[in-house]
Protein backbone atom coordinates (compact mmCIF):
# COMPACT_ATOMS: atom_id res chain seq x y z
CA UNK A 1 -0.24 68.49 -39.77
CA UNK A 2 1.56 65.02 -39.26
CA UNK A 3 2.64 63.67 -42.79
CA UNK A 4 1.59 59.67 -43.38
CA UNK A 5 5.21 58.95 -43.75
CA UNK A 6 5.89 59.97 -40.20
CA UNK A 7 2.46 58.54 -39.00
CA UNK A 8 3.11 55.10 -40.33
CA UNK A 9 5.77 53.62 -38.38
CA UNK A 10 3.45 53.90 -34.92
CA UNK A 11 -0.12 53.34 -36.59
CA UNK A 12 2.21 49.69 -37.70
CA UNK A 13 3.08 48.74 -34.07
CA UNK A 14 -0.01 50.27 -32.77
CA UNK A 15 -1.53 47.11 -35.54
CA UNK A 16 0.68 44.86 -34.59
CA UNK A 17 0.20 45.36 -31.16
CA UNK A 18 -3.61 44.22 -31.46
CA UNK A 19 -2.71 41.31 -33.78
CA UNK A 20 -0.51 39.41 -31.47
CA UNK A 21 -1.77 38.38 -27.55
CA UNK A 22 1.64 39.40 -25.32
CA UNK A 23 2.44 37.12 -23.01
CA UNK A 24 3.20 37.97 -18.91
CA UNK A 25 3.12 35.06 -17.63
CA UNK A 26 5.26 31.44 -17.98
CA UNK A 27 4.79 28.72 -20.47
CA UNK A 28 5.03 25.32 -19.12
CA UNK A 29 3.15 21.87 -19.14
CA UNK A 30 -0.01 20.76 -17.57
CA UNK A 31 -1.03 17.37 -16.81
CA UNK A 32 -3.65 16.18 -14.62
CA UNK A 33 -4.53 13.75 -11.51
CA UNK A 34 -7.87 13.13 -9.88
CA UNK A 35 -9.15 11.56 -6.58
CA UNK A 36 -8.16 10.00 -4.37
CA UNK A 37 -6.63 13.46 -3.72
CA UNK A 38 -5.42 13.14 0.21
CA UNK A 39 -2.92 13.59 1.64
CA UNK A 40 -0.99 16.01 -0.01
CA UNK A 41 2.42 17.35 1.14
CA UNK A 42 0.97 20.49 1.42
CA UNK A 43 -1.18 19.64 4.42
CA UNK A 44 -1.37 16.50 5.12
CA UNK A 45 -4.86 14.65 5.87
CA UNK A 46 -6.73 18.57 5.85
CA UNK A 47 -9.43 19.05 2.98
CA UNK A 48 -10.10 22.60 4.85
CA UNK A 49 -7.41 24.13 1.30
CA UNK A 50 -8.81 22.82 -0.93
CA UNK A 51 -11.28 25.40 -2.72
CA UNK A 52 -14.50 24.04 -3.10
CA UNK A 53 -14.94 25.55 -6.61
CA UNK A 54 -11.97 21.87 -7.15
CA UNK A 55 -10.02 24.65 -9.32
CA UNK A 56 -6.70 23.47 -7.35
CA UNK A 57 -3.37 21.68 -8.38
CA UNK A 58 -0.26 19.42 -7.54
CA UNK A 59 2.92 21.47 -8.57
CA UNK A 60 5.59 20.42 -10.42
CA UNK A 61 9.26 20.70 -9.78
CA UNK A 62 9.51 23.73 -11.51
CA UNK A 63 7.74 25.85 -8.93
CA UNK A 64 7.83 23.56 -6.14
CA UNK A 65 10.28 25.75 -4.14
CA UNK A 66 10.41 23.76 -1.43
CA UNK A 67 6.56 23.93 -0.83
CA UNK A 68 6.67 27.58 -0.63
CA UNK A 69 4.44 27.03 -3.36
CA UNK A 70 1.61 25.63 -1.36
CA UNK A 71 -1.27 28.01 -1.30
CA UNK A 72 0.20 29.59 -3.80
CA UNK A 73 -2.46 31.02 -6.83
CA UNK A 74 -1.82 30.76 -10.62
CA UNK A 75 -3.78 31.45 -13.32
CA UNK A 76 -3.66 29.05 -15.80
CA UNK A 77 -4.58 28.64 -20.31
CA UNK A 78 -4.09 26.03 -22.91
CA UNK A 79 -2.07 27.19 -25.61
CA UNK A 80 -1.04 24.00 -27.39
CA UNK A 81 -1.25 20.36 -27.73
CA UNK A 82 -0.38 17.55 -29.73
CA UNK A 83 -3.90 17.35 -31.02
CA UNK A 84 -5.35 20.33 -32.79
CA UNK A 85 -8.03 21.87 -30.65
CA UNK A 86 -7.56 20.32 -27.72
CA UNK A 87 -7.75 23.39 -25.42
CA UNK A 88 -11.00 24.96 -24.98
CA UNK A 89 -10.78 28.67 -25.94
CA UNK A 90 -10.71 31.81 -23.91
CA UNK A 91 -11.07 29.85 -20.73
CA UNK A 92 -8.38 30.66 -17.98
CA UNK A 93 -8.48 29.28 -14.50
CA UNK A 94 -7.58 30.02 -11.47
CA UNK A 95 -6.26 27.84 -9.11
CA UNK A 96 -4.59 26.57 -5.34
CA UNK A 97 -1.74 25.13 -4.99
CA UNK A 98 -2.46 21.88 -2.43
CA UNK A 99 0.50 19.34 -3.42
CA UNK A 100 3.57 18.39 -4.56
CA UNK A 101 3.05 16.84 -7.97
CA UNK A 102 6.26 14.58 -7.69
CA UNK A 103 4.57 12.89 -4.08
CA UNK A 104 0.52 13.06 -4.74
CA UNK A 105 -1.37 10.26 -3.96
CA UNK A 106 -2.54 10.08 -7.53
CA UNK A 107 -0.94 9.81 -10.06
CA UNK A 108 -0.63 12.26 -13.52
CA UNK A 109 -1.72 11.65 -16.10
CA UNK A 110 2.09 12.92 -17.49
CA UNK A 111 4.83 12.82 -15.84
CA UNK A 112 7.37 15.68 -15.40
CA UNK A 113 5.15 18.34 -15.76
CA UNK A 114 5.15 21.54 -14.31
CA UNK A 115 1.73 21.90 -12.53
CA UNK A 116 -0.86 19.07 -12.31
CA UNK A 117 -4.18 19.90 -12.22
CA UNK A 118 -7.17 18.67 -10.39
CA UNK A 119 -9.78 16.57 -13.13
CA UNK A 120 -12.17 19.39 -12.78
CA UNK A 121 -9.78 22.48 -13.86
CA UNK A 122 -7.76 20.51 -16.63
CA UNK A 123 -11.63 19.38 -17.36
CA UNK A 124 -11.87 23.51 -17.59
CA UNK A 125 -8.89 24.28 -19.68
CA UNK A 126 -8.76 21.42 -22.41
CA UNK A 127 -10.23 17.92 -23.66
CA UNK A 128 -9.84 15.68 -19.78
CA UNK A 129 -9.09 13.04 -22.51
CA UNK A 130 -5.74 14.59 -23.35
CA UNK A 131 -2.81 13.56 -21.20
CA UNK A 132 -0.52 17.01 -21.65
CA UNK A 133 -0.87 20.57 -22.57
CA UNK A 134 1.07 22.99 -22.90
CA UNK A 135 -0.22 26.19 -20.80
CA UNK A 136 0.45 29.46 -19.83
CA UNK A 137 1.12 30.29 -16.05
CA UNK A 138 1.30 32.70 -14.07
CA UNK A 139 1.33 33.67 -10.34
CA UNK A 140 -1.66 35.57 -8.89
């Protein structure tokens, strides 16, 4: 029969694991941009690569990867912002990269973001009036 002394470190570890969400993605920043979205650095004037859900994004320089980011999909969630309660809780979106933020026709709400979300995508995870939020993102 196990003693309390031997099982308590295991129980403590189990308790800590359930209390803290372990991150499996990268952390960066996200801003948003509005139409016009064309032309794009990835697909020119073709809108055929835009998801019908309007859940798409422009890649910041950190994930652009010399254009290899085009077509990649990411799971994104808002984790914090300068203003409390900006993030919408428990919202995770999946977006497709269709452009490069640095050269997008429509300018981002804040320069230098890791990922620039369409206005629809940004409004799903955060208050749309925010200019910049901190996000966790993971390539799918």
